[in-house]
Amino acid sequence: MEPSIEKCKLEILVIADALVWITVIGNIQLALKHPENDGPSASLMREFCERLIRKLLAEGVFTPEYAARVFEDFYR
């Protein structure tokens, strides 16, 4: 069975500013560009980043246009 954030029962609170989360997203994007990084953990990381991007968009850190470009990069 493929891992899923929704099925995870353990909650871990991590507090970081927006710059840290933007850096996390960028590093995960870079890791996902590796051709062999396409398994269940890659899907889980895309889902994790999508949530971060939506949160940064909702808080006004990302514009809708920039968020769309970041989303696109995850699926190239």
C-alpha atoms as a PDB file:
ATOM      1  CA  MET A   1       0.000   0.000   0.000  1.00  0.00           C
ATOM      2  CA  GLU A   2       1.276   3.445  -0.913  1.00  0.00           C
ATOM      3  CA  PRO A   3       1.947   5.817   2.005  1.00  0.00           C
ATOM      4  CA  SER A   4      -0.467   8.690   2.447  1.00  0.00           C
ATOM      5  CA  ILE A   5      -0.453  11.745   4.685  1.00  0.00           C
ATOM      6  CA  GLU A   6      -4.142  11.139   5.497  1.00  0.00           C
ATOM      7  CA  LYS A   7      -3.405   7.649   6.846  1.00  0.00           C
ATOM      8  CA  CYS A   8      -0.600   8.806   9.116  1.00  0.00           C
ATOM      9  CA  LYS A   9      -1.732   8.887  12.764  1.00  0.00           C
ATOM     10  CA  LEU A  10       1.384  10.505  14.212  1.00  0.00           C
ATOM     11  CA  GLU A  11       1.337  14.283  14.429  1.00  0.00           C
ATOM     12  CA  ILE A  12       4.613  16.180  14.694  1.00  0.00           C
ATOM     13  CA  LEU A  13       4.493  19.932  15.130  1.00  0.00           C
ATOM     14  CA  VAL A  14       7.201  21.778  13.205  1.00  0.00           C
ATOM     15  CA  ILE A  15       7.328  25.545  13.370  1.00  0.00           C
ATOM     16  CA  ALA A  16       9.353  27.396  10.751  1.00  0.00           C
ATOM     17  CA  ASP A  17       9.072  30.686   8.922  1.00  0.00           C
ATOM     18  CA  ALA A  18       8.002  30.950   5.285  1.00  0.00           C
ATOM     19  CA  LEU A  19      11.577  31.166   4.013  1.00  0.00           C
ATOM     20  CA  VAL A  20      12.365  27.779   5.540  1.00  0.00           C
ATOM     21  CA  TRP A  21       9.276  26.204   3.950  1.00  0.00           C
ATOM     22  CA  ILE A  22      10.129  27.728   0.558  1.00  0.00           C
ATOM     23  CA  THR A  23      13.610  26.195   0.889  1.00  0.00           C
ATOM     24  CA  VAL A  24      12.102  22.815   1.819  1.00  0.00           C
ATOM     25  CA  ILE A  25       9.877  22.925  -1.267  1.00  0.00           C
ATOM     26  CA  GLY A  26      12.831  23.815  -3.506  1.00  0.00           C
ATOM     27  CA  ASN A  27      14.981  21.002  -2.139  1.00  0.00           C
ATOM     28  CA  ILE A  28      12.199  18.459  -2.559  1.00  0.00           C
ATOM     29  CA  GLN A  29      11.631  19.688  -6.129  1.00  0.00           C
ATOM     30  CA  LEU A  30      15.317  19.148  -6.839  1.00  0.00           C
ATOM     31  CA  ALA A  31      15.260  15.649  -5.336  1.00  0.00           C
ATOM     32  CA  LEU A  32      12.168  14.705  -7.360  1.00  0.00           C
ATOM     33  CA  LYS A  33      13.947  15.582 -10.605  1.00  0.00           C
ATOM     34  CA  HIS A  34      16.188  12.523 -10.167  1.00  0.00           C
ATOM     35  CA  PRO A  35      14.912   9.931 -12.684  1.00  0.00           C
ATOM     36  CA  GLU A  36      14.914   7.095 -10.139  1.00  0.00           C
ATOM     37  CA  ASN A  37      12.954   9.045  -7.555  1.00  0.00           C
ATOM     38  CA  ASP A  38       9.481   7.999  -8.678  1.00  0.00           C
ATOM     39  CA  GLY A  39       8.174   5.600  -6.043  1.00  0.00           C
ATOM     40  CA  PRO A  40       5.625   5.928  -3.245  1.00  0.00           C
ATOM     41  CA  SER A  41       7.794   8.333  -1.244  1.00  0.00           C
ATOM     42  CA  ALA A  42       7.962  10.693  -4.242  1.00  0.00           C
ATOM     43  CA  SER A  43       4.156  10.787  -4.349  1.00  0.00           C
ATOM     44  CA  LEU A  44       4.042  11.440  -0.628  1.00  0.00           C
ATOM     45  CA  MET A  45       6.512  14.323  -0.953  1.00  0.00           C
ATOM     46  CA  ARG A  46       4.522  15.866  -3.809  1.00  0.00           C
ATOM     47  CA  GLU A  47       1.410  15.740  -1.642  1.00  0.00           C
ATOM     48  CA  PHE A  48       3.325  17.275   1.289  1.00  0.00           C
ATOM     49  CA  CYS A  49       4.638  20.108  -0.894  1.00  0.00           C
ATOM     50  CA  GLU A  50       1.232  20.744  -2.428  1.00  0.00           C
ATOM     51  CA  ARG A  51      -0.094  21.342   1.085  1.00  0.00           C
ATOM     52  CA  LEU A  52       2.779  23.705   1.852  1.00  0.00           C
ATOM     53  CA  ILE A  53       2.247  25.606  -1.397  1.00  0.00           C
ATOM     54  CA  ARG A  54      -1.484  25.966  -0.700  1.00  0.00           C
ATOM     55  CA  LYS A  55      -0.725  27.259   2.807  1.00  0.00           C
ATOM     56  CA  LEU A  56       1.851  29.772   1.495  1.00  0.00           C
ATOM     57  CA  LEU A  57      -0.692  30.876  -1.122  1.00  0.00           C
ATOM     58  CA  ALA A  58      -3.470  31.232   1.471  1.00  0.00           C
ATOM     59  CA  GLU A  59      -1.198  33.326   3.697  1.00  0.00           C
ATOM     60  CA  GLY A  60      -0.249  35.640   0.818  1.00  0.00           C
ATOM     61  CA  VAL A  61       3.391  34.557   0.618  1.00  0.00           C
ATOM     62  CA  PHE A  62       2.890  33.171  -2.914  1.00  0.00           C
ATOM     63  CA  THR A  63       0.862  34.885  -5.607  1.00  0.00           C
ATOM     64  CA  PRO A  64      -1.539  32.627  -7.508  1.00  0.00           C
ATOM     65  CA  GLU A  65       0.693  32.869 -10.601  1.00  0.00           C
ATOM     66  CA  TYR A  66       3.836  31.884  -8.694  1.00  0.00           C
ATOM     67  CA  ALA A  67       2.053  29.021  -6.921  1.00  0.00           C
ATOM     68  CA  ALA A  68       0.884  27.718 -10.313  1.00  0.00           C
ATOM     69  CA  ARG A  69       4.481  27.744 -11.612  1.00  0.00           C
ATOM     70  CA  VAL A  70       5.707  25.886  -8.529  1.00  0.00           C
ATOM     71  CA  PHE A  71       2.922  23.282  -8.904  1.00  0.00           C
ATOM     72  CA  GLU A  72       3.839  22.832 -12.591  1.00  0.00           C
ATOM     73  CA  ASP A  73       7.457  22.142 -11.715  1.00  0.00           C
ATOM     74  CA  PHE A  74       6.439  19.144  -9.604  1.00  0.00           C
ATOM     75  CA  TYR A  75       4.892  17.394 -12.605  1.00  0.00           C
ATOM     76  CA  ARG A  76       7.441  18.017 -15.361  1.00  0.00           C
END
